[in-house]
Amino acid sequence: MHKARAIGRKISEIKIGDSRIGVVGLVVDRKEGELTLDDGSGQITVFFDDPALAAGVGAGSKIRVFGTPLNVGGKHELQAEIIQKVDKLDLELYEEVRREIKKFEREVGQ
């Protein structure tokens, strides 16, 4: 079975109907089986069944999460399929690149 490609999203951009997304941010809280991710646009609870998915991830870790968004009680949550530590990623530069790509896509699409 082929899975749909994950769409890069800011937490504030997550839409009902998104099947797979990728989100980058900072872990602000970690509990057993879940963590809270903040990307500057909002926070989302990320759930994971396998503790090995989040091995070495704790509060203050920069991560990229690929998974399935869920809408629970009008609030988005994310069921993680992949969690990658990206501690060396410059989040400000990453956001600048995302903005430039969106700007380029708008200009080309016109």
PDB file of N, CA and C in Angstrom:
ATOM      1  N   MET A   1       0.839  -1.183   0.000  1.00  0.00           N
ATOM      2  CA  MET A   1       0.000   0.000   0.000  1.00  0.00           C
ATOM      3  C   MET A   1       0.879   1.240   0.000  1.00  0.00           C
ATOM      4  N   HIS A   2       0.623   2.163  -0.889  1.00  0.00           N
ATOM      5  CA  HIS A   2       1.391   3.395  -1.003  1.00  0.00           C
ATOM      6  C   HIS A   2       0.732   4.496  -0.177  1.00  0.00           C
ATOM      7  N   LYS A   3       1.520   5.120   0.677  1.00  0.00           N
ATOM      8  CA  LYS A   3       0.974   6.207   1.491  1.00  0.00           C
ATOM      9  C   LYS A   3       1.076   7.523   0.731  1.00  0.00           C
ATOM     10  N   ALA A   4       0.151   8.412   1.031  1.00  0.00           N
ATOM     11  CA  ALA A   4       0.169   9.741   0.420  1.00  0.00           C
ATOM     12  C   ALA A   4       1.404  10.498   0.898  1.00  0.00           C
ATOM     13  N   ARG A   5       1.903  11.376   0.058  1.00  0.00           N
ATOM     14  CA  ARG A   5       3.039  12.214   0.411  1.00  0.00           C
ATOM     15  C   ARG A   5       2.631  13.162   1.533  1.00  0.00           C
ATOM     16  N   ALA A   6       3.533  13.361   2.490  1.00  0.00           N
ATOM     17  CA  ALA A   6       3.247  14.284   3.588  1.00  0.00           C
ATOM     18  C   ALA A   6       3.402  15.722   3.105  1.00  0.00           C
ATOM     19  N   ILE A   7       2.442  16.553   3.436  1.00  0.00           N
ATOM     20  CA  ILE A   7       2.463  17.970   3.077  1.00  0.00           C
ATOM     21  C   ILE A   7       3.054  18.746   4.238  1.00  0.00           C
ATOM     22  N   GLY A   8       4.049  19.584   3.955  1.00  0.00           N
ATOM     23  CA  GLY A   8       4.636  20.420   5.001  1.00  0.00           C
ATOM     24  C   GLY A   8       3.627  21.469   5.456  1.00  0.00           C
ATOM     25  N   ARG A   9       3.396  21.549   6.741  1.00  0.00           N
ATOM     26  CA  ARG A   9       2.432  22.497   7.291  1.00  0.00           C
ATOM     27  C   ARG A   9       2.991  23.173   8.527  1.00  0.00           C
ATOM     28  N   LYS A  10       2.539  24.404   8.747  1.00  0.00           N
ATOM     29  CA  LYS A  10       2.670  25.034  10.055  1.00  0.00           C
ATOM     30  C   LYS A  10       1.474  24.504  10.847  1.00  0.00           C
ATOM     31  N   ILE A  11       1.575  24.502  12.165  1.00  0.00           N
ATOM     32  CA  ILE A  11       0.460  24.004  12.974  1.00  0.00           C
ATOM     33  C   ILE A  11      -0.808  24.806  12.674  1.00  0.00           C
ATOM     34  N   SER A  12      -0.664  26.106  12.502  1.00  0.00           N
ATOM     35  CA  SER A  12      -1.837  26.951  12.227  1.00  0.00           C
ATOM     36  C   SER A  12      -2.445  26.692  10.849  1.00  0.00           C
ATOM     37  N   GLU A  13      -1.720  26.008   9.964  1.00  0.00           N
ATOM     38  CA  GLU A  13      -2.191  25.745   8.603  1.00  0.00           C
ATOM     39  C   GLU A  13      -2.861  24.382   8.443  1.00  0.00           C
ATOM     40  N   ILE A  14      -2.860  23.556   9.486  1.00  0.00           N
ATOM     41  CA  ILE A  14      -3.430  22.209   9.387  1.00  0.00           C
ATOM     42  C   ILE A  14      -4.922  22.320   9.078  1.00  0.00           C
ATOM     43  N   LYS A  15      -5.356  21.522   8.101  1.00  0.00           N
ATOM     44  CA  LYS A  15      -6.749  21.571   7.648  1.00  0.00           C
ATOM     45  C   LYS A  15      -7.410  20.219   7.846  1.00  0.00           C
ATOM     46  N   ILE A  16      -8.712  20.253   8.120  1.00  0.00           N
ATOM     47  CA  ILE A  16      -9.478  19.008   8.122  1.00  0.00           C
ATOM     48  C   ILE A  16      -9.416  18.490   6.689  1.00  0.00           C
ATOM     49  N   GLY A  17      -9.120  17.242   6.525  1.00  0.00           N
ATOM     50  CA  GLY A  17      -8.975  16.674   5.185  1.00  0.00           C
ATOM     51  C   GLY A  17      -7.530  16.398   4.824  1.00  0.00           C
ATOM     52  N   ASP A  18      -6.556  17.007   5.551  1.00  0.00           N
ATOM     53  CA  ASP A  18      -5.156  16.659   5.333  1.00  0.00           C
ATOM     54  C   ASP A  18      -4.980  15.192   5.708  1.00  0.00           C
ATOM     55  N   SER A  19      -4.384  14.402   4.822  1.00  0.00           N
ATOM     56  CA  SER A  19      -4.221  12.985   5.142  1.00  0.00           C
ATOM     57  C   SER A  19      -2.886  12.700   5.821  1.00  0.00           C
ATOM     58  N   ARG A  20      -1.811  13.321   5.372  1.00  0.00           N
ATOM     59  CA  ARG A  20      -0.498  13.167   6.005  1.00  0.00           C
ATOM     60  C   ARG A  20       0.192  14.519   5.960  1.00  0.00           C
ATOM     61  N   ILE A  21       0.823  14.879   7.073  1.00  0.00           N
ATOM     62  CA  ILE A  21       1.514  16.157   7.124  1.00  0.00           C
ATOM     63  C   ILE A  21       2.895  15.987   7.764  1.00  0.00           C
ATOM     64  N   GLY A  22       3.721  16.990   7.567  1.00  0.00           N
ATOM     65  CA  GLY A  22       5.008  17.083   8.239  1.00  0.00           C
ATOM     66  C   GLY A  22       5.073  18.427   8.940  1.00  0.00           C
ATOM     67  N   VAL A  23       5.478  18.415  10.205  1.00  0.00           N
ATOM     68  CA  VAL A  23       5.552  19.630  11.017  1.00  0.00           C
ATOM     69  C   VAL A  23       6.925  19.675  11.676  1.00  0.00           C
ATOM     70  N   VAL A  24       7.532  20.867  11.722  1.00  0.00           N
ATOM     71  CA  VAL A  24       8.818  21.071  12.378  1.00  0.00           C
ATOM     72  C   VAL A  24       8.617  22.044  13.524  1.00  0.00           C
ATOM     73  N   GLY A  25       9.208  21.727  14.674  1.00  0.00           N
ATOM     74  CA  GLY A  25       9.083  22.643  15.805  1.00  0.00           C
ATOM     75  C   GLY A  25       9.896  22.202  16.997  1.00  0.00           C
ATOM     76  N   LEU A  26       9.601  22.839  18.112  1.00  0.00           N
ATOM     77  CA  LEU A  26      10.317  22.632  19.361  1.00  0.00           C
ATOM     78  C   LEU A  26       9.409  21.894  20.338  1.00  0.00           C
ATOM     79  N   VAL A  27       9.936  20.847  20.957  1.00  0.00           N
ATOM     80  CA  VAL A  27       9.173  20.107  21.964  1.00  0.00           C
ATOM     81  C   VAL A  27       9.130  20.951  23.239  1.00  0.00           C
ATOM     82  N   VAL A  28       7.928  21.262  23.706  1.00  0.00           N
ATOM     83  CA  VAL A  28       7.780  22.061  24.926  1.00  0.00           C
ATOM     84  C   VAL A  28       7.336  21.216  26.114  1.00  0.00           C
ATOM     85  N   ASP A  29       6.868  19.978  25.846  1.00  0.00           N
ATOM     86  CA  ASP A  29       6.471  19.085  26.925  1.00  0.00           C
ATOM     87  C   ASP A  29       6.522  17.655  26.414  1.00  0.00           C
ATOM     88  N   ARG A  30       6.896  16.738  27.289  1.00  0.00           N
ATOM     89  CA  ARG A  30       6.979  15.315  26.903  1.00  0.00           C
ATOM     90  C   ARG A  30       6.400  14.474  28.030  1.00  0.00           C
ATOM     91  N   LYS A  31       5.475  13.596  27.665  1.00  0.00           N
ATOM     92  CA  LYS A  31       4.884  12.633  28.595  1.00  0.00           C
ATOM     93  C   LYS A  31       4.962  11.272  27.941  1.00  0.00           C
ATOM     94  N   GLU A  32       4.547  10.243  28.662  1.00  0.00           N
ATOM     95  CA  GLU A  32       4.571   8.910  28.086  1.00  0.00           C
ATOM     96  C   GLU A  32       3.563   8.816  26.942  1.00  0.00           C
ATOM     97  N   GLY A  33       4.052   8.510  25.743  1.00  0.00           N
ATOM     98  CA  GLY A  33       3.182   8.326  24.593  1.00  0.00           C
ATOM     99  C   GLY A  33       2.722   9.591  23.903  1.00  0.00           C
ATOM    100  N   GLU A  34       3.181  10.765  24.393  1.00  0.00           N
ATOM    101  CA  GLU A  34       2.780  12.011  23.735  1.00  0.00           C
ATOM    102  C   GLU A  34       3.791  13.115  24.024  1.00  0.00           C
ATOM    103  N   LEU A  35       3.763  14.102  23.155  1.00  0.00           N
ATOM    104  CA  LEU A  35       4.571  15.296  23.371  1.00  0.00           C
ATOM    105  C   LEU A  35       3.817  16.491  22.816  1.00  0.00           C
ATOM    106  N   THR A  36       4.215  17.672  23.265  1.00  0.00           N
ATOM    107  CA  THR A  36       3.613  18.911  22.769  1.00  0.00           C
ATOM    108  C   THR A  36       4.656  19.617  21.924  1.00  0.00           C
ATOM    109  N   LEU A  37       4.282  19.950  20.697  1.00  0.00           N
ATOM    110  CA  LEU A  37       5.175  20.582  19.736  1.00  0.00           C
ATOM    111  C   LEU A  37       4.708  22.007  19.478  1.00  0.00           C
ATOM    112  N   ASP A  38       5.647  22.941  19.456  1.00  0.00           N
ATOM    113  CA  ASP A  38       5.361  24.355  19.184  1.00  0.00           C
ATOM    114  C   ASP A  38       6.208  24.770  17.988  1.00  0.00           C
ATOM    115  N   ASP A  39       5.553  25.343  16.973  1.00  0.00           N
ATOM    116  CA  ASP A  39       6.300  25.789  15.787  1.00  0.00           C
ATOM    117  C   ASP A  39       6.236  27.298  15.596  1.00  0.00           C
ATOM    118  N   GLY A  40       5.818  28.015  16.624  1.00  0.00           N
ATOM    119  CA  GLY A  40       5.729  29.463  16.523  1.00  0.00           C
ATOM    120  C   GLY A  40       4.365  29.934  16.043  1.00  0.00           C
ATOM    121  N   SER A  41       3.619  29.059  15.359  1.00  0.00           N
ATOM    122  CA  SER A  41       2.281  29.433  14.898  1.00  0.00           C
ATOM    123  C   SER A  41       1.208  28.827  15.805  1.00  0.00           C
ATOM    124  N   GLY A  42       1.617  27.913  16.652  1.00  0.00           N
ATOM    125  CA  GLY A  42       0.690  27.237  17.548  1.00  0.00           C
ATOM    126  C   GLY A  42       1.333  26.010  18.156  1.00  0.00           C
ATOM    127  N   GLN A  43       0.551  25.289  18.929  1.00  0.00           N
ATOM    128  CA  GLN A  43       1.015  24.054  19.552  1.00  0.00           C
ATOM    129  C   GLN A  43       0.092  22.915  19.152  1.00  0.00           C
ATOM    130  N   ILE A  44       0.666  21.707  19.125  1.00  0.00           N
ATOM    131  CA  ILE A  44      -0.113  20.515  18.804  1.00  0.00           C
ATOM    132  C   ILE A  44       0.377  19.367  19.668  1.00  0.00           C
ATOM    133  N   THR A  45      -0.560  18.523  20.088  1.00  0.00           N
ATOM    134  CA  THR A  45      -0.208  17.312  20.813  1.00  0.00           C
ATOM    135  C   THR A  45       0.089  16.234  19.787  1.00  0.00           C
ATOM    136  N   VAL A  46       1.250  15.584  19.948  1.00  0.00           N
ATOM    137  CA  VAL A  46       1.688  14.521  19.052  1.00  0.00           C
ATOM    138  C   VAL A  46       1.651  13.213  19.847  1.00  0.00           C
ATOM    139  N   PHE A  47       0.918  12.236  19.338  1.00  0.00           N
ATOM    140  CA  PHE A  47       0.825  10.934  19.984  1.00  0.00           C
ATOM    141  C   PHE A  47       1.678   9.928  19.225  1.00  0.00           C
ATOM    142  N   PHE A  48       2.276   8.994  19.961  1.00  0.00           N
ATOM    143  CA  PHE A  48       3.046   7.926  19.333  1.00  0.00           C
ATOM    144  C   PHE A  48       2.860   6.653  20.156  1.00  0.00           C
ATOM    145  N   ASP A  49       2.707   5.530  19.457  1.00  0.00           N
ATOM    146  CA  ASP A  49       2.480   4.247  20.119  1.00  0.00           C
ATOM    147  C   ASP A  49       3.785   3.581  20.529  1.00  0.00           C
ATOM    148  N   ASP A  50       4.821   3.735  19.722  1.00  0.00           N
ATOM    149  CA  ASP A  50       6.100   3.075  19.948  1.00  0.00           C
ATOM    150  C   ASP A  50       7.072   4.053  20.608  1.00  0.00           C
ATOM    151  N   PRO A  51       7.478   3.810  21.854  1.00  0.00           N
ATOM    152  CA  PRO A  51       8.409   4.716  22.534  1.00  0.00           C
ATOM    153  C   PRO A  51       9.717   4.912  21.765  1.00  0.00           C
ATOM    154  N   ALA A  52      10.109   3.934  20.954  1.00  0.00           N
ATOM    155  CA  ALA A  52      11.344   4.051  20.175  1.00  0.00           C
ATOM    156  C   ALA A  52      11.255   5.196  19.158  1.00  0.00           C
ATOM    157  N   LEU A  53      10.034   5.555  18.737  1.00  0.00           N
ATOM    158  CA  LEU A  53       9.860   6.662  17.790  1.00  0.00           C
ATOM    159  C   LEU A  53      10.414   7.962  18.357  1.00  0.00           C
ATOM    160  N   ALA A  54      10.287   8.148  19.671  1.00  0.00           N
ATOM    161  CA  ALA A  54      10.695   9.405  20.306  1.00  0.00           C
ATOM    162  C   ALA A  54      11.912   9.216  21.217  1.00  0.00           C
ATOM    163  N   ALA A  55      12.718   8.204  20.923  1.00  0.00           N
ATOM    164  CA  ALA A  55      13.912   7.958  21.731  1.00  0.00           C
ATOM    165  C   ALA A  55      14.834   9.179  21.681  1.00  0.00           C
ATOM    166  N   GLY A  56      15.253   9.642  22.837  1.00  0.00           N
ATOM    167  CA  GLY A  56      16.167  10.777  22.907  1.00  0.00           C
ATOM    168  C   GLY A  56      15.504  12.127  22.718  1.00  0.00           C
ATOM    169  N   VAL A  57      14.198  12.156  22.580  1.00  0.00           N
ATOM    170  CA  VAL A  57      13.467  13.400  22.383  1.00  0.00           C
ATOM    171  C   VAL A  57      12.896  13.845  23.721  1.00  0.00           C
ATOM    172  N   GLY A  58      13.156  15.099  24.071  1.00  0.00           N
ATOM    173  CA  GLY A  58      12.621  15.647  25.309  1.00  0.00           C
ATOM    174  C   GLY A  58      12.318  17.123  25.138  1.00  0.00           C
ATOM    175  N   ALA A  59      11.866  17.753  26.210  1.00  0.00           N
ATOM    176  CA  ALA A  59      11.593  19.191  26.153  1.00  0.00           C
ATOM    177  C   ALA A  59      12.860  19.910  25.699  1.00  0.00           C
ATOM    178  N   GLY A  60      12.690  20.807  24.726  1.00  0.00           N
ATOM    179  CA  GLY A  60      13.817  21.548  24.170  1.00  0.00           C
ATOM    180  C   GLY A  60      14.375  20.957  22.891  1.00  0.00           C
ATOM    181  N   SER A  61      13.957  19.728  22.534  1.00  0.00           N
ATOM    182  CA  SER A  61      14.418  19.107  21.287  1.00  0.00           C
ATOM    183  C   SER A  61      13.726  19.748  20.096  1.00  0.00           C
ATOM    184  N   LYS A  62      14.478  19.943  19.019  1.00  0.00           N
ATOM    185  CA  LYS A  62      13.886  20.348  17.741  1.00  0.00           C
ATOM    186  C   LYS A  62      13.611  19.058  16.987  1.00  0.00           C
ATOM    187  N   ILE A  63      12.372  18.927  16.485  1.00  0.00           N
ATOM    188  CA  ILE A  63      12.013  17.698  15.775  1.00  0.00           C
ATOM    189  C   ILE A  63      11.178  17.999  14.538  1.00  0.00           C
ATOM    190  N   ARG A  64      11.168  17.011  13.652  1.00  0.00           N
ATOM    191  CA  ARG A  64      10.263  17.007  12.511  1.00  0.00           C
ATOM    192  C   ARG A  64       9.405  15.766  12.679  1.00  0.00           C
ATOM    193  N   VAL A  65       8.094  15.942  12.560  1.00  0.00           N
ATOM    194  CA  VAL A  65       7.146  14.843  12.749  1.00  0.00           C
ATOM    195  C   VAL A  65       6.338  14.674  11.471  1.00  0.00           C
ATOM    196  N   PHE A  66       6.254  13.437  11.012  1.00  0.00           N
ATOM    197  CA  PHE A  66       5.377  13.084   9.904  1.00  0.00           C
ATOM    198  C   PHE A  66       4.273  12.218  10.475  1.00  0.00           C
ATOM    199  N   GLY A  67       3.033  12.522  10.114  1.00  0.00           N
ATOM    200  CA  GLY A  67       1.951  11.715  10.640  1.00  0.00           C
ATOM    201  C   GLY A  67       0.594  12.110  10.104  1.00  0.00           C
ATOM    202  N   THR A  68      -0.417  11.561  10.762  1.00  0.00           N
ATOM    203  CA  THR A  68      -1.802  11.765  10.367  1.00  0.00           C
ATOM    204  C   THR A  68      -2.465  12.735  11.332  1.00  0.00           C
ATOM    205  N   PRO A  69      -2.965  13.867  10.822  1.00  0.00           N
ATOM    206  CA  PRO A  69      -3.657  14.804  11.706  1.00  0.00           C
ATOM    207  C   PRO A  69      -5.048  14.291  12.065  1.00  0.00           C
ATOM    208  N   LEU A  70      -5.420  14.518  13.307  1.00  0.00           N
ATOM    209  CA  LEU A  70      -6.731  14.132  13.802  1.00  0.00           C
ATOM    210  C   LEU A  70      -7.408  15.386  14.326  1.00  0.00           C
ATOM    211  N   ASN A  71      -8.714  15.483  14.153  1.00  0.00           N
ATOM    212  CA  ASN A  71      -9.448  16.611  14.710  1.00  0.00           C
ATOM    213  C   ASN A  71     -10.313  16.058  15.829  1.00  0.00           C
ATOM    214  N   VAL A  72      -9.947  16.424  17.057  1.00  0.00           N
ATOM    215  CA  VAL A  72     -10.632  15.902  18.233  1.00  0.00           C
ATOM    216  C   VAL A  72     -11.229  17.081  18.993  1.00  0.00           C
ATOM    217  N   GLY A  73     -12.547  17.138  19.033  1.00  0.00           N
ATOM    218  CA  GLY A  73     -13.215  18.218  19.742  1.00  0.00           C
ATOM    219  C   GLY A  73     -12.860  19.591  19.201  1.00  0.00           C
ATOM    220  N   GLY A  74     -12.689  19.689  17.871  1.00  0.00           N
ATOM    221  CA  GLY A  74     -12.355  20.969  17.249  1.00  0.00           C
ATOM    222  C   GLY A  74     -10.893  21.355  17.380  1.00  0.00           C
ATOM    223  N   LYS A  75     -10.082  20.466  17.948  1.00  0.00           N
ATOM    224  CA  LYS A  75      -8.660  20.741  18.153  1.00  0.00           C
ATOM    225  C   LYS A  75      -7.840  19.712  17.375  1.00  0.00           C
ATOM    226  N   HIS A  76      -6.777  20.172  16.721  1.00  0.00           N
ATOM    227  CA  HIS A  76      -5.926  19.263  15.960  1.00  0.00           C
ATOM    228  C   HIS A  76      -4.949  18.535  16.874  1.00  0.00           C
ATOM    229  N   GLU A  77      -4.746  17.251  16.560  1.00  0.00           N
ATOM    230  CA  GLU A  77      -3.727  16.424  17.182  1.00  0.00           C
ATOM    231  C   GLU A  77      -3.035  15.687  16.056  1.00  0.00           C
ATOM    232  N   LEU A  78      -1.898  15.091  16.348  1.00  0.00           N
ATOM    233  CA  LEU A  78      -1.128  14.421  15.301  1.00  0.00           C
ATOM    234  C   LEU A  78      -0.707  13.040  15.779  1.00  0.00           C
ATOM    235  N   GLN A  79      -1.063  12.019  14.997  1.00  0.00           N
ATOM    236  CA  GLN A  79      -0.609  10.650  15.276  1.00  0.00           C
ATOM    237  C   GLN A  79       0.679  10.448  14.491  1.00  0.00           C
ATOM    238  N   ALA A  80       1.801  10.343  15.207  1.00  0.00           N
ATOM    239  CA  ALA A  80       3.117  10.298  14.566  1.00  0.00           C
ATOM    240  C   ALA A  80       3.400   8.956  13.913  1.00  0.00           C
ATOM    241  N   GLU A  81       3.979   9.022  12.719  1.00  0.00           N
ATOM    242  CA  GLU A  81       4.509   7.842  12.037  1.00  0.00           C
ATOM    243  C   GLU A  81       6.028   7.858  12.113  1.00  0.00           C
ATOM    244  N   ILE A  82       6.603   9.076  11.985  1.00  0.00           N
ATOM    245  CA  ILE A  82       8.058   9.256  12.033  1.00  0.00           C
ATOM    246  C   ILE A  82       8.341  10.495  12.873  1.00  0.00           C
ATOM    247  N   ILE A  83       9.299  10.389  13.775  1.00  0.00           N
ATOM    248  CA  ILE A  83       9.787  11.533  14.544  1.00  0.00           C
ATOM    249  C   ILE A  83      11.293  11.599  14.327  1.00  0.00           C
ATOM    250  N   GLN A  84      11.766  12.726  13.794  1.00  0.00           N
ATOM    251  CA  GLN A  84      13.194  12.908  13.532  1.00  0.00           C
ATOM    252  C   GLN A  84      13.719  14.066  14.365  1.00  0.00           C
ATOM    253  N   LYS A  85      14.835  13.844  15.062  1.00  0.00           N
ATOM    254  CA  LYS A  85      15.480  14.946  15.761  1.00  0.00           C
ATOM    255  C   LYS A  85      16.214  15.790  14.733  1.00  0.00           C
ATOM    256  N   VAL A  86      16.050  17.096  14.834  1.00  0.00           N
ATOM    257  CA  VAL A  86      16.726  18.021  13.912  1.00  0.00           C
ATOM    258  C   VAL A  86      17.344  19.163  14.736  1.00  0.00           C
ATOM    259  N   ASP A  87      18.038  18.796  15.819  1.00  0.00           N
ATOM    260  CA  ASP A  87      18.569  19.791  16.751  1.00  0.00           C
ATOM    261  C   ASP A  87      19.504  20.809  16.094  1.00  0.00           C
ATOM    262  N   LYS A  88      20.153  20.425  15.003  1.00  0.00           N
ATOM    263  CA  LYS A  88      21.085  21.359  14.351  1.00  0.00           C
ATOM    264  C   LYS A  88      20.386  22.283  13.356  1.00  0.00           C
ATOM    265  N   LEU A  89      19.095  22.094  13.150  1.00  0.00           N
ATOM    266  CA  LEU A  89      18.341  22.920  12.212  1.00  0.00           C
ATOM    267  C   LEU A  89      18.155  24.327  12.768  1.00  0.00           C
ATOM    268  N   ASP A  90      18.452  25.324  11.967  1.00  0.00           N
ATOM    269  CA  ASP A  90      18.204  26.721  12.332  1.00  0.00           C
ATOM    270  C   ASP A  90      16.746  27.021  11.997  1.00  0.00           C
ATOM    271  N   LEU A  91      15.896  27.079  13.033  1.00  0.00           N
ATOM    272  CA  LEU A  91      14.456  27.231  12.799  1.00  0.00           C
ATOM    273  C   LEU A  91      14.114  28.552  12.125  1.00  0.00           C
ATOM    274  N   GLU A  92      14.845  29.621  12.419  1.00  0.00           N
ATOM    275  CA  GLU A  92      14.580  30.908  11.761  1.00  0.00           C
ATOM    276  C   GLU A  92      14.894  30.829  10.278  1.00  0.00           C
ATOM    277  N   LEU A  93      16.013  30.227   9.932  1.00  0.00           N
ATOM    278  CA  LEU A  93      16.375  30.070   8.526  1.00  0.00           C
ATOM    279  C   LEU A  93      15.383  29.143   7.822  1.00  0.00           C
ATOM    280  N   TYR A  94      14.963  28.090   8.489  1.00  0.00           N
ATOM    281  CA  TYR A  94      13.967  27.174   7.933  1.00  0.00           C
ATOM    282  C   TYR A  94      12.682  27.919   7.590  1.00  0.00           C
ATOM    283  N   GLU A  95      12.222  28.786   8.499  1.00  0.00           N
ATOM    284  CA  GLU A  95      11.001  29.559   8.258  1.00  0.00           C
ATOM    285  C   GLU A  95      11.180  30.545   7.111  1.00  0.00           C
ATOM    286  N   GLU A  96      12.359  31.145   7.034  1.00  0.00           N
ATOM    287  CA  GLU A  96      12.629  32.087   5.937  1.00  0.00           C
ATOM    288  C   GLU A  96      12.571  31.357   4.590  1.00  0.00           C
ATOM    289  N   VAL A  97      13.147  30.174   4.532  1.00  0.00           N
ATOM    290  CA  VAL A  97      13.117  29.385   3.297  1.00  0.00           C
ATOM    291  C   VAL A  97      11.672  29.008   2.951  1.00  0.00           C
ATOM    292  N   ARG A  98      10.872  28.583   3.954  1.00  0.00           N
ATOM    293  CA  ARG A  98       9.454  28.255   3.708  1.00  0.00           C
ATOM    294  C   ARG A  98       8.703  29.446   3.126  1.00  0.00           C
ATOM    295  N   ARG A  99       8.948  30.638   3.680  1.00  0.00           N
ATOM    296  CA  ARG A  99       8.271  31.851   3.170  1.00  0.00           C
ATOM    297  C   ARG A  99       8.668  32.128   1.731  1.00  0.00           C
ATOM    298  N   GLU A 100       9.945  31.993   1.417  1.00  0.00           N
ATOM    299  CA  GLU A 100      10.421  32.252   0.051  1.00  0.00           C
ATOM    300  C   GLU A 100       9.838  31.247  -0.937  1.00  0.00           C
ATOM    301  N   ILE A 101       9.738  29.984  -0.521  1.00  0.00           N
ATOM    302  CA  ILE A 101       9.159  28.961  -1.398  1.00  0.00           C
ATOM    303  C   ILE A 101       7.692  29.283  -1.672  1.00  0.00           C
ATOM    304  N   LYS A 102       6.948  29.649  -0.636  1.00  0.00           N
ATOM    305  CA  LYS A 102       5.525  30.004  -0.832  1.00  0.00           C
ATOM    306  C   LYS A 102       5.393  31.212  -1.751  1.00  0.00           C
ATOM    307  N   LYS A 103       6.251  32.211  -1.560  1.00  0.00           N
ATOM    308  CA  LYS A 103       6.229  33.407  -2.403  1.00  0.00           C
ATOM    309  C   LYS A 103       6.494  33.018  -3.856  1.00  0.00           C
ATOM    310  N   PHE A 104       7.492  32.173  -4.083  1.00  0.00           N
ATOM    311  CA  PHE A 104       7.828  31.712  -5.417  1.00  0.00           C
ATOM    312  C   PHE A 104       6.667  30.941  -6.044  1.00  0.00           C
ATOM    313  N   GLU A 105       6.049  30.042  -5.255  1.00  0.00           N
ATOM    314  CA  GLU A 105       4.924  29.259  -5.775  1.00  0.00           C
ATOM    315  C   GLU A 105       3.753  30.148  -6.162  1.00  0.00           C
ATOM    316  N   ARG A 106       3.502  31.213  -5.381  1.00  0.00           N
ATOM    317  CA  ARG A 106       2.422  32.147  -5.722  1.00  0.00           C
ATOM    318  C   ARG A 106       2.753  32.874  -7.022  1.00  0.00           C
ATOM    319  N   GLU A 107       4.006  33.323  -7.171  1.00  0.00           N
ATOM    320  CA  GLU A 107       4.397  34.071  -8.370  1.00  0.00           C
ATOM    321  C   GLU A 107       4.340  33.180  -9.609  1.00  0.00           C
ATOM    322  N   VAL A 108       4.771  31.952  -9.501  1.00  0.00           N
ATOM    323  CA  VAL A 108       4.772  31.039 -10.643  1.00  0.00           C
ATOM    324  C   VAL A 108       3.338  30.630 -10.980  1.00  0.00           C
ATOM    325  N   GLY A 109       2.497  30.489  -9.975  1.00  0.00           N
ATOM    326  CA  GLY A 109       1.113  30.065 -10.181  1.00  0.00           C
ATOM    327  C   GLY A 109       0.247  31.115 -10.841  1.00  0.00           C
ATOM    328  N   GLN A 110       0.697  32.369 -10.890  1.00  0.00           N
ATOM    329  CA  GLN A 110      -0.116  33.451 -11.461  1.00  0.00           C
ATOM    330  C   GLN A 110       0.015  33.533 -12.951  1.00  0.00           C
TER     331      GLN A 110
END
